[in-house]
Structures are given as structure tokens and as C-alpha cells.
Amino acid sequence: MEETSTPRAQWLRGVLDMCLLALMAEEPVYGYEMTVRLAKAGLDVADGSIYPALARLRKRQLVEVERRHGGGGPTRTYYRPSEAGMRMLQSWSRDWSEFATSIGSLITRAAREDS
């Protein structure tokens, strides 16, 4: 069976919750704004992926929500990490660093062997 999505999209799907918590840790943020910030960071994520991820984070009690009235615009739901969410982000961050270092080392070795 041929895989249709790009490796980058698959990788992002695996780390989306961590990326969202990292955005929220900077400041409370609403869903669409997360999509914009991820795109600015070079990570294209559809709105359809953000909201299920936010629902997962809420269900696991890793985020807190606050409804704010916009200045003439719609009421928005802002998200921020709960205490448990901050602990999880720190843990995931350590795990990610170790994982990325291991993958980087493996790929660098393979590239040198090809030369």
C-alpha cells in the first residue's frame, strides 16, 4: 500500500500535541491563531487537525480554557497549559530532544558512510 501523506505531515501528526502546548506556554492562544503561528514556524496544519488535538488535551486535563469576548468580533476560546500540561510539556520536551539527537546521529552516520 502506497502512503499518500508526506513524511513531514506524519511527523507533525506525532508531535502536534507537544507543539500546541509549547505555543500555549508562551501565552494563552485560540485555535485559529495556533494554526497561523504553526504556519509561521513552517508547520502547515489544517484547522481540522488542531481542534481534535485540543479536545484530546482537554480530555487529558492538560489545558485550561477561557472564553473571551472579542472587540466586536466573536467570543473566542483561549487555551493555556494546566499545571499537568506544563509538566507534560517539560517531559515531552526532554524526550523529543533525546529522540531528535538519536535520529540526527543515525542520519549523519549514514550520510558519511554514503560519501
PDB file of N, CA and C in Angstrom:
ATOM      1  N   MET A   1       0.850  -1.177   0.000  1.00  0.00           N
ATOM      2  CA  MET A   1       0.000   0.000   0.000  1.00  0.00           C
ATOM      3  C   MET A   1       0.900   1.245   0.000  1.00  0.00           C
ATOM      4  N   GLU A   2       0.614   2.174  -0.889  1.00  0.00           N
ATOM      5  CA  GLU A   2       1.414   3.390  -1.003  1.00  0.00           C
ATOM      6  C   GLU A   2       0.907   4.448  -0.030  1.00  0.00           C
ATOM      7  N   GLU A   3       1.833   5.079   0.653  1.00  0.00           N
ATOM      8  CA  GLU A   3       1.498   6.139   1.618  1.00  0.00           C
ATOM      9  C   GLU A   3       1.344   7.444   0.860  1.00  0.00           C
ATOM     10  N   THR A   4       0.238   8.155   1.098  1.00  0.00           N
ATOM     11  CA  THR A   4      -0.037   9.375   0.344  1.00  0.00           C
ATOM     12  C   THR A   4       0.414  10.637   1.059  1.00  0.00           C
ATOM     13  N   SER A   5       0.503  10.623   2.362  1.00  0.00           N
ATOM     14  CA  SER A   5       0.915  11.840   3.061  1.00  0.00           C
ATOM     15  C   SER A   5       2.440  11.900   3.132  1.00  0.00           C
ATOM     16  N   THR A   6       2.952  13.108   3.230  1.00  0.00           N
ATOM     17  CA  THR A   6       4.399  13.296   3.268  1.00  0.00           C
ATOM     18  C   THR A   6       4.951  12.884   4.622  1.00  0.00           C
ATOM     19  N   PRO A   7       6.240  12.531   4.664  1.00  0.00           N
ATOM     20  CA  PRO A   7       6.836  12.195   5.967  1.00  0.00           C
ATOM     21  C   PRO A   7       6.699  13.354   6.952  1.00  0.00           C
ATOM     22  N   ARG A   8       6.877  14.584   6.488  1.00  0.00           N
ATOM     23  CA  ARG A   8       6.774  15.747   7.370  1.00  0.00           C
ATOM     24  C   ARG A   8       5.392  15.825   8.020  1.00  0.00           C
ATOM     25  N   ALA A   9       4.349  15.552   7.246  1.00  0.00           N
ATOM     26  CA  ALA A   9       2.984  15.572   7.788  1.00  0.00           C
ATOM     27  C   ALA A   9       2.796  14.471   8.827  1.00  0.00           C
ATOM     28  N   GLN A  10       3.375  13.312   8.569  1.00  0.00           N
ATOM     29  CA  GLN A  10       3.285  12.214   9.530  1.00  0.00           C
ATOM     30  C   GLN A  10       4.021  12.550  10.819  1.00  0.00           C
ATOM     31  N   TRP A  11       5.203  13.145  10.698  1.00  0.00           N
ATOM     32  CA  TRP A  11       5.974  13.529  11.887  1.00  0.00           C
ATOM     33  C   TRP A  11       5.200  14.539  12.714  1.00  0.00           C
ATOM     34  N   LEU A  12       4.629  15.529  12.040  1.00  0.00           N
ATOM     35  CA  LEU A  12       3.890  16.580  12.746  1.00  0.00           C
ATOM     36  C   LEU A  12       2.679  16.006  13.470  1.00  0.00           C
ATOM     37  N   ARG A  13       2.012  15.069  12.845  1.00  0.00           N
ATOM     38  CA  ARG A  13       0.860  14.439  13.490  1.00  0.00           C
ATOM     39  C   ARG A  13       1.283  13.810  14.814  1.00  0.00           C
ATOM     40  N   GLY A  14       2.511  13.267  14.849  1.00  0.00           N
ATOM     41  CA  GLY A  14       3.005  12.619  16.058  1.00  0.00           C
ATOM     42  C   GLY A  14       3.401  13.581  17.167  1.00  0.00           C
ATOM     43  N   VAL A  15       3.682  14.840  16.816  1.00  0.00           N
ATOM     44  CA  VAL A  15       4.146  15.801  17.822  1.00  0.00           C
ATOM     45  C   VAL A  15       3.227  17.025  17.943  1.00  0.00           C
ATOM     46  N   LEU A  16       2.063  16.962  17.329  1.00  0.00           N
ATOM     47  CA  LEU A  16       1.167  18.118  17.327  1.00  0.00           C
ATOM     48  C   LEU A  16       0.766  18.542  18.735  1.00  0.00           C
ATOM     49  N   ASP A  17       0.418  17.605  19.594  1.00  0.00           N
ATOM     50  CA  ASP A  17       0.012  17.961  20.960  1.00  0.00           C
ATOM     51  C   ASP A  17       1.134  18.719  21.672  1.00  0.00           C
ATOM     52  N   MET A  18       2.371  18.250  21.506  1.00  0.00           N
ATOM     53  CA  MET A  18       3.512  18.908  22.128  1.00  0.00           C
ATOM     54  C   MET A  18       3.690  20.322  21.562  1.00  0.00           C
ATOM     55  N   CYS A  19       3.557  20.475  20.247  1.00  0.00           N
ATOM     56  CA  CYS A  19       3.695  21.793  19.621  1.00  0.00           C
ATOM     57  C   CYS A  19       2.617  22.757  20.119  1.00  0.00           C
ATOM     58  N   LEU A  20       1.391  22.265  20.252  1.00  0.00           N
ATOM     59  CA  LEU A  20       0.301  23.124  20.736  1.00  0.00           C
ATOM     60  C   LEU A  20       0.557  23.565  22.173  1.00  0.00           C
ATOM     61  N   LEU A  21       0.971  22.640  23.021  1.00  0.00           N
ATOM     62  CA  LEU A  21       1.277  23.015  24.407  1.00  0.00           C
ATOM     63  C   LEU A  21       2.404  24.044  24.455  1.00  0.00           C
ATOM     64  N   ALA A  22       3.394  23.893  23.573  1.00  0.00           N
ATOM     65  CA  ALA A  22       4.505  24.849  23.543  1.00  0.00           C
ATOM     66  C   ALA A  22       4.009  26.236  23.151  1.00  0.00           C
ATOM     67  N   LEU A  23       3.099  26.316  22.176  1.00  0.00           N
ATOM     68  CA  LEU A  23       2.533  27.611  21.794  1.00  0.00           C
ATOM     69  C   LEU A  23       1.766  28.237  22.949  1.00  0.00           C
ATOM     70  N   MET A  24       0.971  27.425  23.618  1.00  0.00           N
ATOM     71  CA  MET A  24       0.159  27.916  24.736  1.00  0.00           C
ATOM     72  C   MET A  24       1.019  28.370  25.902  1.00  0.00           C
ATOM     73  N   ALA A  25       2.180  27.722  26.076  1.00  0.00           N
ATOM     74  CA  ALA A  25       3.052  28.067  27.196  1.00  0.00           C
ATOM     75  C   ALA A  25       3.611  29.478  27.034  1.00  0.00           C
ATOM     76  N   GLU A  26       3.703  29.967  25.791  1.00  0.00           N
ATOM     77  CA  GLU A  26       4.181  31.332  25.552  1.00  0.00           C
ATOM     78  C   GLU A  26       3.156  32.351  26.036  1.00  0.00           C
ATOM     79  N   GLU A  27       1.881  32.080  25.725  1.00  0.00           N
ATOM     80  CA  GLU A  27       0.767  32.932  26.146  1.00  0.00           C
ATOM     81  C   GLU A  27      -0.527  32.227  25.774  1.00  0.00           C
ATOM     82  N   PRO A  28      -1.642  32.525  26.457  1.00  0.00           N
ATOM     83  CA  PRO A  28      -2.912  31.918  26.069  1.00  0.00           C
ATOM     84  C   PRO A  28      -3.216  32.234  24.601  1.00  0.00           C
ATOM     85  N   VAL A  29      -3.740  31.255  23.884  1.00  0.00           N
ATOM     86  CA  VAL A  29      -3.938  31.394  22.446  1.00  0.00           C
ATOM     87  C   VAL A  29      -5.211  30.654  22.030  1.00  0.00           C
ATOM     88  N   TYR A  30      -5.864  31.146  20.994  1.00  0.00           N
ATOM     89  CA  TYR A  30      -7.077  30.483  20.492  1.00  0.00           C
ATOM     90  C   TYR A  30      -6.732  29.632  19.273  1.00  0.00           C
ATOM     91  N   GLY A  31      -7.642  28.749  18.911  1.00  0.00           N
ATOM     92  CA  GLY A  31      -7.388  27.732  17.894  1.00  0.00           C
ATOM     93  C   GLY A  31      -6.838  28.233  16.578  1.00  0.00           C
ATOM     94  N   TYR A  32      -7.522  29.165  15.930  1.00  0.00           N
ATOM     95  CA  TYR A  32      -7.070  29.629  14.618  1.00  0.00           C
ATOM     96  C   TYR A  32      -5.693  30.291  14.716  1.00  0.00           C
ATOM     97  N   GLU A  33      -5.458  31.016  15.803  1.00  0.00           N
ATOM     98  CA  GLU A  33      -4.164  31.668  15.991  1.00  0.00           C
ATOM     99  C   GLU A  33      -3.045  30.621  16.079  1.00  0.00           C
ATOM    100  N   MET A  34      -3.350  29.454  16.652  1.00  0.00           N
ATOM    101  CA  MET A  34      -2.353  28.387  16.708  1.00  0.00           C
ATOM    102  C   MET A  34      -1.977  27.943  15.299  1.00  0.00           C
ATOM    103  N   THR A  35      -2.980  27.811  14.424  1.00  0.00           N
ATOM    104  CA  THR A  35      -2.736  27.423  13.036  1.00  0.00           C
ATOM    105  C   THR A  35      -1.811  28.430  12.357  1.00  0.00           C
ATOM    106  N   VAL A  36      -2.072  29.724  12.574  1.00  0.00           N
ATOM    107  CA  VAL A  36      -1.260  30.779  11.980  1.00  0.00           C
ATOM    108  C   VAL A  36       0.173  30.713  12.511  1.00  0.00           C
ATOM    109  N   ARG A  37       0.325  30.561  13.814  1.00  0.00           N
ATOM    110  CA  ARG A  37       1.671  30.517  14.409  1.00  0.00           C
ATOM    111  C   ARG A  37       2.456  29.290  13.956  1.00  0.00           C
ATOM    112  N   LEU A  38       1.768  28.164  13.850  1.00  0.00           N
ATOM    113  CA  LEU A  38       2.444  26.966  13.361  1.00  0.00           C
ATOM    114  C   LEU A  38       2.909  27.175  11.918  1.00  0.00           C
ATOM    115  N   ALA A  39       2.058  27.788  11.096  1.00  0.00           N
ATOM    116  CA  ALA A  39       2.426  28.054   9.695  1.00  0.00           C
ATOM    117  C   ALA A  39       3.637  28.985   9.628  1.00  0.00           C
ATOM    118  N   LYS A  40       3.673  30.004  10.478  1.00  0.00           N
ATOM    119  CA  LYS A  40       4.829  30.912  10.507  1.00  0.00           C
ATOM    120  C   LYS A  40       6.108  30.176  10.886  1.00  0.00           C
ATOM    121  N   ALA A  41       5.967  29.112  11.663  1.00  0.00           N
ATOM    122  CA  ALA A  41       7.120  28.305  12.062  1.00  0.00           C
ATOM    123  C   ALA A  41       7.470  27.258  11.002  1.00  0.00           C
ATOM    124  N   GLY A  42       6.718  27.260   9.881  1.00  0.00           N
ATOM    125  CA  GLY A  42       6.986  26.316   8.805  1.00  0.00           C
ATOM    126  C   GLY A  42       6.248  24.996   8.935  1.00  0.00           C
ATOM    127  N   LEU A  43       5.248  24.952   9.808  1.00  0.00           N
ATOM    128  CA  LEU A  43       4.470  23.735  10.045  1.00  0.00           C
ATOM    129  C   LEU A  43       3.028  23.966   9.602  1.00  0.00           C
ATOM    130  N   ASP A  44       2.672  23.464   8.438  1.00  0.00           N
ATOM    131  CA  ASP A  44       1.322  23.673   7.919  1.00  0.00           C
ATOM    132  C   ASP A  44       0.374  22.619   8.489  1.00  0.00           C
ATOM    133  N   VAL A  45      -0.547  23.084   9.301  1.00  0.00           N
ATOM    134  CA  VAL A  45      -1.521  22.217   9.954  1.00  0.00           C
ATOM    135  C   VAL A  45      -2.912  22.754   9.658  1.00  0.00           C
ATOM    136  N   ALA A  46      -3.799  21.897   9.212  1.00  0.00           N
ATOM    137  CA  ALA A  46      -5.174  22.307   8.920  1.00  0.00           C
ATOM    138  C   ALA A  46      -5.948  22.504  10.222  1.00  0.00           C
ATOM    139  N   ASP A  47      -6.913  23.445  10.168  1.00  0.00           N
ATOM    140  CA  ASP A  47      -7.797  23.652  11.327  1.00  0.00           C
ATOM    141  C   ASP A  47      -8.408  22.333  11.779  1.00  0.00           C
ATOM    142  N   GLY A  48      -8.689  21.460  10.814  1.00  0.00           N
ATOM    143  CA  GLY A  48      -9.310  20.175  11.119  1.00  0.00           C
ATOM    144  C   GLY A  48      -8.438  19.264  11.965  1.00  0.00           C
ATOM    145  N   SER A  49      -7.152  19.568  12.059  1.00  0.00           N
ATOM    146  CA  SER A  49      -6.258  18.787  12.919  1.00  0.00           C
ATOM    147  C   SER A  49      -6.103  19.423  14.292  1.00  0.00           C
ATOM    148  N   ILE A  50      -6.187  20.744  14.336  1.00  0.00           N
ATOM    149  CA  ILE A  50      -5.978  21.480  15.583  1.00  0.00           C
ATOM    150  C   ILE A  50      -7.062  21.159  16.609  1.00  0.00           C
ATOM    151  N   TYR A  51      -8.323  21.247  16.180  1.00  0.00           N
ATOM    152  CA  TYR A  51      -9.405  21.120  17.150  1.00  0.00           C
ATOM    153  C   TYR A  51      -9.530  19.725  17.764  1.00  0.00           C
ATOM    154  N   PRO A  52      -9.343  18.640  17.022  1.00  0.00           N
ATOM    155  CA  PRO A  52      -9.319  17.328  17.686  1.00  0.00           C
ATOM    156  C   PRO A  52      -8.150  17.202  18.670  1.00  0.00           C
ATOM    157  N   ALA A  53      -7.005  17.792  18.329  1.00  0.00           N
ATOM    158  CA  ALA A  53      -5.859  17.758  19.253  1.00  0.00           C
ATOM    159  C   ALA A  53      -6.183  18.532  20.528  1.00  0.00           C
ATOM    160  N   LEU A  54      -6.822  19.693  20.383  1.00  0.00           N
ATOM    161  CA  LEU A  54      -7.217  20.471  21.567  1.00  0.00           C
ATOM    162  C   LEU A  54      -8.211  19.691  22.422  1.00  0.00           C
ATOM    163  N   ALA A  55      -9.123  18.987  21.775  1.00  0.00           N
ATOM    164  CA  ALA A  55     -10.091  18.165  22.520  1.00  0.00           C
ATOM    165  C   ALA A  55      -9.372  17.058  23.292  1.00  0.00           C
ATOM    166  N   ARG A  56      -8.356  16.442  22.672  1.00  0.00           N
ATOM    167  CA  ARG A  56      -7.562  15.413  23.372  1.00  0.00           C
ATOM    168  C   ARG A  56      -6.873  16.008  24.589  1.00  0.00           C
ATOM    169  N   LEU A  57      -6.274  17.184  24.414  1.00  0.00           N
ATOM    170  CA  LEU A  57      -5.570  17.836  25.521  1.00  0.00           C
ATOM    171  C   LEU A  57      -6.534  18.200  26.647  1.00  0.00           C
ATOM    172  N   ARG A  58      -7.727  18.656  26.281  1.00  0.00           N
ATOM    173  CA  ARG A  58      -8.743  18.986  27.311  1.00  0.00           C
ATOM    174  C   ARG A  58      -9.169  17.731  28.061  1.00  0.00           C
ATOM    175  N   LYS A  59      -9.420  16.662  27.322  1.00  0.00           N
ATOM    176  CA  LYS A  59      -9.874  15.416  27.934  1.00  0.00           C
ATOM    177  C   LYS A  59      -8.839  14.890  28.928  1.00  0.00           C
ATOM    178  N   ARG A  60      -7.558  15.094  28.608  1.00  0.00           N
ATOM    179  CA  ARG A  60      -6.478  14.634  29.493  1.00  0.00           C
ATOM    180  C   ARG A  60      -6.153  15.664  30.575  1.00  0.00           C
ATOM    181  N   GLN A  61      -6.924  16.746  30.608  1.00  0.00           N
ATOM    182  CA  GLN A  61      -6.778  17.825  31.594  1.00  0.00           C
ATOM    183  C   GLN A  61      -5.382  18.463  31.533  1.00  0.00           C
ATOM    184  N   LEU A  62      -4.861  18.591  30.308  1.00  0.00           N
ATOM    185  CA  LEU A  62      -3.550  19.208  30.106  1.00  0.00           C
ATOM    186  C   LEU A  62      -3.673  20.679  29.735  1.00  0.00           C
ATOM    187  N   VAL A  63      -4.900  21.134  29.474  1.00  0.00           N
ATOM    188  CA  VAL A  63      -5.122  22.541  29.144  1.00  0.00           C
ATOM    189  C   VAL A  63      -6.289  23.091  29.956  1.00  0.00           C
ATOM    190  N   GLU A  64      -6.253  24.410  30.115  1.00  0.00           N
ATOM    191  CA  GLU A  64      -7.361  25.145  30.720  1.00  0.00           C
ATOM    192  C   GLU A  64      -7.893  26.080  29.644  1.00  0.00           C
ATOM    193  N   VAL A  65      -9.184  26.361  29.701  1.00  0.00           N
ATOM    194  CA  VAL A  65      -9.791  27.225  28.689  1.00  0.00           C
ATOM    195  C   VAL A  65     -10.428  28.444  29.339  1.00  0.00           C
ATOM    196  N   GLU A  66     -10.468  29.502  28.550  1.00  0.00           N
ATOM    197  CA  GLU A  66     -11.095  30.750  28.980  1.00  0.00           C
ATOM    198  C   GLU A  66     -11.788  31.352  27.767  1.00  0.00           C
ATOM    199  N   ARG A  67     -13.060  31.673  27.923  1.00  0.00           N
ATOM    200  CA  ARG A  67     -13.814  32.309  26.836  1.00  0.00           C
ATOM    201  C   ARG A  67     -13.663  33.811  26.987  1.00  0.00           C
ATOM    202  N   ARG A  68     -13.269  34.473  25.881  1.00  0.00           N
ATOM    203  CA  ARG A  68     -13.104  35.927  25.890  1.00  0.00           C
ATOM    204  C   ARG A  68     -13.918  36.536  24.762  1.00  0.00           C
ATOM    205  N   HIS A  69     -14.576  37.636  25.093  1.00  0.00           N
ATOM    206  CA  HIS A  69     -15.320  38.368  24.069  1.00  0.00           C
ATOM    207  C   HIS A  69     -14.343  39.182  23.247  1.00  0.00           C
ATOM    208  N   GLY A  70     -14.489  39.092  21.922  1.00  0.00           N
ATOM    209  CA  GLY A  70     -13.634  39.875  21.031  1.00  0.00           C
ATOM    210  C   GLY A  70     -14.141  41.304  20.953  1.00  0.00           C
ATOM    211  N   GLY A  71     -13.281  42.207  20.590  1.00  0.00           N
ATOM    212  CA  GLY A  71     -13.678  43.604  20.420  1.00  0.00           C
ATOM    213  C   GLY A  71     -14.543  43.747  19.186  1.00  0.00           C
ATOM    214  N   GLY A  72     -15.808  43.444  19.303  1.00  0.00           N
ATOM    215  CA  GLY A  72     -16.718  43.491  18.174  1.00  0.00           C
ATOM    216  C   GLY A  72     -16.747  42.196  17.377  1.00  0.00           C
ATOM    217  N   GLY A  73     -15.824  41.294  17.658  1.00  0.00           N
ATOM    218  CA  GLY A  73     -15.774  40.009  16.959  1.00  0.00           C
ATOM    219  C   GLY A  73     -16.406  38.916  17.789  1.00  0.00           C
ATOM    220  N   PRO A  74     -16.257  37.689  17.334  1.00  0.00           N
ATOM    221  CA  PRO A  74     -16.859  36.567  18.063  1.00  0.00           C
ATOM    222  C   PRO A  74     -16.136  36.283  19.377  1.00  0.00           C
ATOM    223  N   THR A  75     -16.830  35.617  20.272  1.00  0.00           N
ATOM    224  CA  THR A  75     -16.205  35.141  21.506  1.00  0.00           C
ATOM    225  C   THR A  75     -15.249  34.021  21.124  1.00  0.00           C
ATOM    226  N   ARG A  76     -14.060  34.063  21.691  1.00  0.00           N
ATOM    227  CA  ARG A  76     -13.049  33.059  21.369  1.00  0.00           C
ATOM    228  C   ARG A  76     -12.695  32.249  22.613  1.00  0.00           C
ATOM    229  N   THR A  77     -12.312  31.011  22.379  1.00  0.00           N
ATOM    230  CA  THR A  77     -11.845  30.145  23.451  1.00  0.00           C
ATOM    231  C   THR A  77     -10.326  30.151  23.427  1.00  0.00           C
ATOM    232  N   TYR A  78      -9.732  30.644  24.506  1.00  0.00           N
ATOM    233  CA  TYR A  78      -8.280  30.684  24.643  1.00  0.00           C
ATOM    234  C   TYR A  78      -7.828  29.495  25.466  1.00  0.00           C
ATOM    235  N   TYR A  79      -6.706  28.945  25.088  1.00  0.00           N
ATOM    236  CA  TYR A  79      -6.153  27.767  25.743  1.00  0.00           C
ATOM    237  C   TYR A  79      -4.810  28.104  26.376  1.00  0.00           C
ATOM    238  N   ARG A  80      -4.554  27.492  27.523  1.00  0.00           N
ATOM    239  CA  ARG A  80      -3.245  27.586  28.168  1.00  0.00           C
ATOM    240  C   ARG A  80      -3.000  26.249  28.871  1.00  0.00           C
ATOM    241  N   PRO A  81      -1.742  25.898  29.043  1.00  0.00           N
ATOM    242  CA  PRO A  81      -1.466  24.623  29.707  1.00  0.00           C
ATOM    243  C   PRO A  81      -1.866  24.667  31.180  1.00  0.00           C
ATOM    244  N   SER A  82      -2.420  23.595  31.655  1.00  0.00           N
ATOM    245  CA  SER A  82      -2.659  23.442  33.101  1.00  0.00           C
ATOM    246  C   SER A  82      -1.309  23.116  33.740  1.00  0.00           C
ATOM    247  N   GLU A  83      -1.290  22.991  35.060  1.00  0.00           N
ATOM    248  CA  GLU A  83      -0.045  22.579  35.727  1.00  0.00           C
ATOM    249  C   GLU A  83       0.400  21.216  35.198  1.00  0.00           C
ATOM    250  N   ALA A  84      -0.554  20.314  35.045  1.00  0.00           N
ATOM    251  CA  ALA A  84      -0.229  18.987  34.499  1.00  0.00           C
ATOM    252  C   ALA A  84       0.270  19.117  33.062  1.00  0.00           C
ATOM    253  N   GLY A  85      -0.296  20.037  32.306  1.00  0.00           N
ATOM    254  CA  GLY A  85       0.137  20.269  30.931  1.00  0.00           C
ATOM    255  C   GLY A  85       1.561  20.785  30.858  1.00  0.00           C
ATOM    256  N   MET A  86       1.922  21.673  31.782  1.00  0.00           N
ATOM    257  CA  MET A  86       3.304  22.175  31.812  1.00  0.00           C
ATOM    258  C   MET A  86       4.284  21.056  32.164  1.00  0.00           C
ATOM    259  N   ARG A  87       3.901  20.219  33.108  1.00  0.00           N
ATOM    260  CA  ARG A  87       4.770  19.080  33.451  1.00  0.00           C
ATOM    261  C   ARG A  87       4.921  18.142  32.253  1.00  0.00           C
ATOM    262  N   MET A  88       3.804  17.903  31.550  1.00  0.00           N
ATOM    263  CA  MET A  88       3.840  17.027  30.382  1.00  0.00           C
ATOM    264  C   MET A  88       4.697  17.646  29.281  1.00  0.00           C
ATOM    265  N   LEU A  89       4.572  18.949  29.072  1.00  0.00           N
ATOM    266  CA  LEU A  89       5.382  19.627  28.062  1.00  0.00           C
ATOM    267  C   LEU A  89       6.872  19.495  28.392  1.00  0.00           C
ATOM    268  N   GLN A  90       7.234  19.659  29.640  1.00  0.00           N
ATOM    269  CA  GLN A  90       8.640  19.515  30.037  1.00  0.00           C
ATOM    270  C   GLN A  90       9.137  18.091  29.781  1.00  0.00           C
ATOM    271  N   SER A  91       8.304  17.118  30.101  1.00  0.00           N
ATOM    272  CA  SER A  91       8.671  15.720  29.879  1.00  0.00           C
ATOM    273  C   SER A  91       8.803  15.433  28.388  1.00  0.00           C
ATOM    274  N   TRP A  92       7.796  15.851  27.610  1.00  0.00           N
ATOM    275  CA  TRP A  92       7.848  15.629  26.165  1.00  0.00           C
ATOM    276  C   TRP A  92       9.045  16.350  25.547  1.00  0.00           C
ATOM    277  N   SER A  93       9.363  17.526  26.043  1.00  0.00           N
ATOM    278  CA  SER A  93      10.476  18.298  25.522  1.00  0.00           C
ATOM    279  C   SER A  93      11.795  17.541  25.720  1.00  0.00           C
ATOM    280  N   ARG A  94      11.987  16.986  26.917  1.00  0.00           N
ATOM    281  CA  ARG A  94      13.193  16.180  27.179  1.00  0.00           C
ATOM    282  C   ARG A  94      13.225  14.964  26.253  1.00  0.00           C
ATOM    283  N   ASP A  95      12.081  14.268  26.157  1.00  0.00           N
ATOM    284  CA  ASP A  95      12.006  13.080  25.295  1.00  0.00           C
ATOM    285  C   ASP A  95      12.300  13.444  23.841  1.00  0.00           C
ATOM    286  N   TRP A  96      11.726  14.561  23.383  1.00  0.00           N
ATOM    287  CA  TRP A  96      11.928  14.988  21.995  1.00  0.00           C
ATOM    288  C   TRP A  96      13.400  15.292  21.734  1.00  0.00           C
ATOM    289  N   SER A  97      14.051  15.981  22.649  1.00  0.00           N
ATOM    290  CA  SER A  97      15.467  16.320  22.477  1.00  0.00           C
ATOM    291  C   SER A  97      16.311  15.058  22.340  1.00  0.00           C
ATOM    292  N   GLU A  98      16.052  14.086  23.197  1.00  0.00           N
ATOM    293  CA  GLU A  98      16.789  12.827  23.132  1.00  0.00           C
ATOM    294  C   GLU A  98      16.509  12.095  21.824  1.00  0.00           C
ATOM    295  N   PHE A  99      15.249  12.057  21.436  1.00  0.00           N
ATOM    296  CA  PHE A  99      14.832  11.371  20.210  1.00  0.00           C
ATOM    297  C   PHE A  99      15.455  12.040  18.980  1.00  0.00           C
ATOM    298  N   ALA A 100      15.358  13.374  18.903  1.00  0.00           N
ATOM    299  CA  ALA A 100      15.901  14.110  17.755  1.00  0.00           C
ATOM    300  C   ALA A 100      17.414  13.944  17.663  1.00  0.00           C
ATOM    301  N   THR A 101      18.088  13.936  18.809  1.00  0.00           N
ATOM    302  CA  THR A 101      19.535  13.731  18.817  1.00  0.00           C
ATOM    303  C   THR A 101      19.876  12.342  18.286  1.00  0.00           C
ATOM    304  N   SER A 102      19.138  11.333  18.719  1.00  0.00           N
ATOM    305  CA  SER A 102      19.386   9.961  18.255  1.00  0.00           C
ATOM    306  C   SER A 102      19.160   9.841  16.753  1.00  0.00           C
ATOM    307  N   ILE A 103      18.069  10.385  16.263  1.00  0.00           N
ATOM    308  CA  ILE A 103      17.768  10.323  14.830  1.00  0.00           C
ATOM    309  C   ILE A 103      18.832  11.094  14.044  1.00  0.00           C
ATOM    310  N   GLY A 104      19.181  12.294  14.516  1.00  0.00           N
ATOM    311  CA  GLY A 104      20.197  13.101  13.845  1.00  0.00           C
ATOM    312  C   GLY A 104      21.522  12.364  13.747  1.00  0.00           C
ATOM    313  N   SER A 105      21.915  11.709  14.811  1.00  0.00           N
ATOM    314  CA  SER A 105      23.163  10.959  14.836  1.00  0.00           C
ATOM    315  C   SER A 105      23.127   9.813  13.828  1.00  0.00           C
ATOM    316  N   LEU A 106      22.038   9.096  13.795  1.00  0.00           N
ATOM    317  CA  LEU A 106      21.885   7.969  12.878  1.00  0.00           C
ATOM    318  C   LEU A 106      21.944   8.439  11.429  1.00  0.00           C
ATOM    319  N   ILE A 107      21.241   9.496  11.118  1.00  0.00           N
ATOM    320  CA  ILE A 107      21.208  10.015   9.752  1.00  0.00           C
ATOM    321  C   ILE A 107      22.568  10.572   9.347  1.00  0.00           C
ATOM    322  N   THR A 108      23.235  11.273  10.243  1.00  0.00           N
ATOM    323  CA  THR A 108      24.556  11.829   9.948  1.00  0.00           C
ATOM    324  C   THR A 108      25.555  10.707   9.665  1.00  0.00           C
ATOM    325  N   ARG A 109      25.512   9.648  10.466  1.00  0.00           N
ATOM    326  CA  ARG A 109      26.400   8.485  10.245  1.00  0.00           C
ATOM    327  C   ARG A 109      26.146   7.873   8.887  1.00  0.00           C
ATOM    328  N   ALA A 110      24.878   7.695   8.543  1.00  0.00           N
ATOM    329  CA  ALA A 110      24.519   7.080   7.259  1.00  0.00           C
ATOM    330  C   ALA A 110      24.969   7.950   6.094  1.00  0.00           C
ATOM    331  N   ALA A 111      24.849   9.272   6.230  1.00  0.00           N
ATOM    332  CA  ALA A 111      25.275  10.184   5.161  1.00  0.00           C
ATOM    333  C   ALA A 111      26.799  10.127   4.990  1.00  0.00           C
ATOM    334  N   ARG A 112      27.549  10.016   6.071  1.00  0.00           N
ATOM    335  CA  ARG A 112      29.018   9.920   5.992  1.00  0.00           C
ATOM    336  C   ARG A 112      29.445   8.600   5.331  1.00  0.00           C
ATOM    337  N   GLU A 113      28.727   7.540   5.641  1.00  0.00           N
ATOM    338  CA  GLU A 113      29.059   6.230   5.068  1.00  0.00           C
ATOM    339  C   GLU A 113      28.783   6.209   3.577  1.00  0.00           C
ATOM    340  N   ASP A 114      27.816   7.006   3.109  1.00  0.00           N
ATOM    341  CA  ASP A 114      27.493   7.087   1.690  1.00  0.00           C
ATOM    342  C   ASP A 114      28.558   7.839   0.910  1.00  0.00           C
ATOM    343  N   SER A 115      29.289   8.730   1.560  1.00  0.00           N
ATOM    344  CA  SER A 115      30.285   9.573   0.883  1.00  0.00           C
ATOM    345  C   SER A 115      31.496   8.797   0.441  1.00  0.00           C
TER     346      SER A 115
END
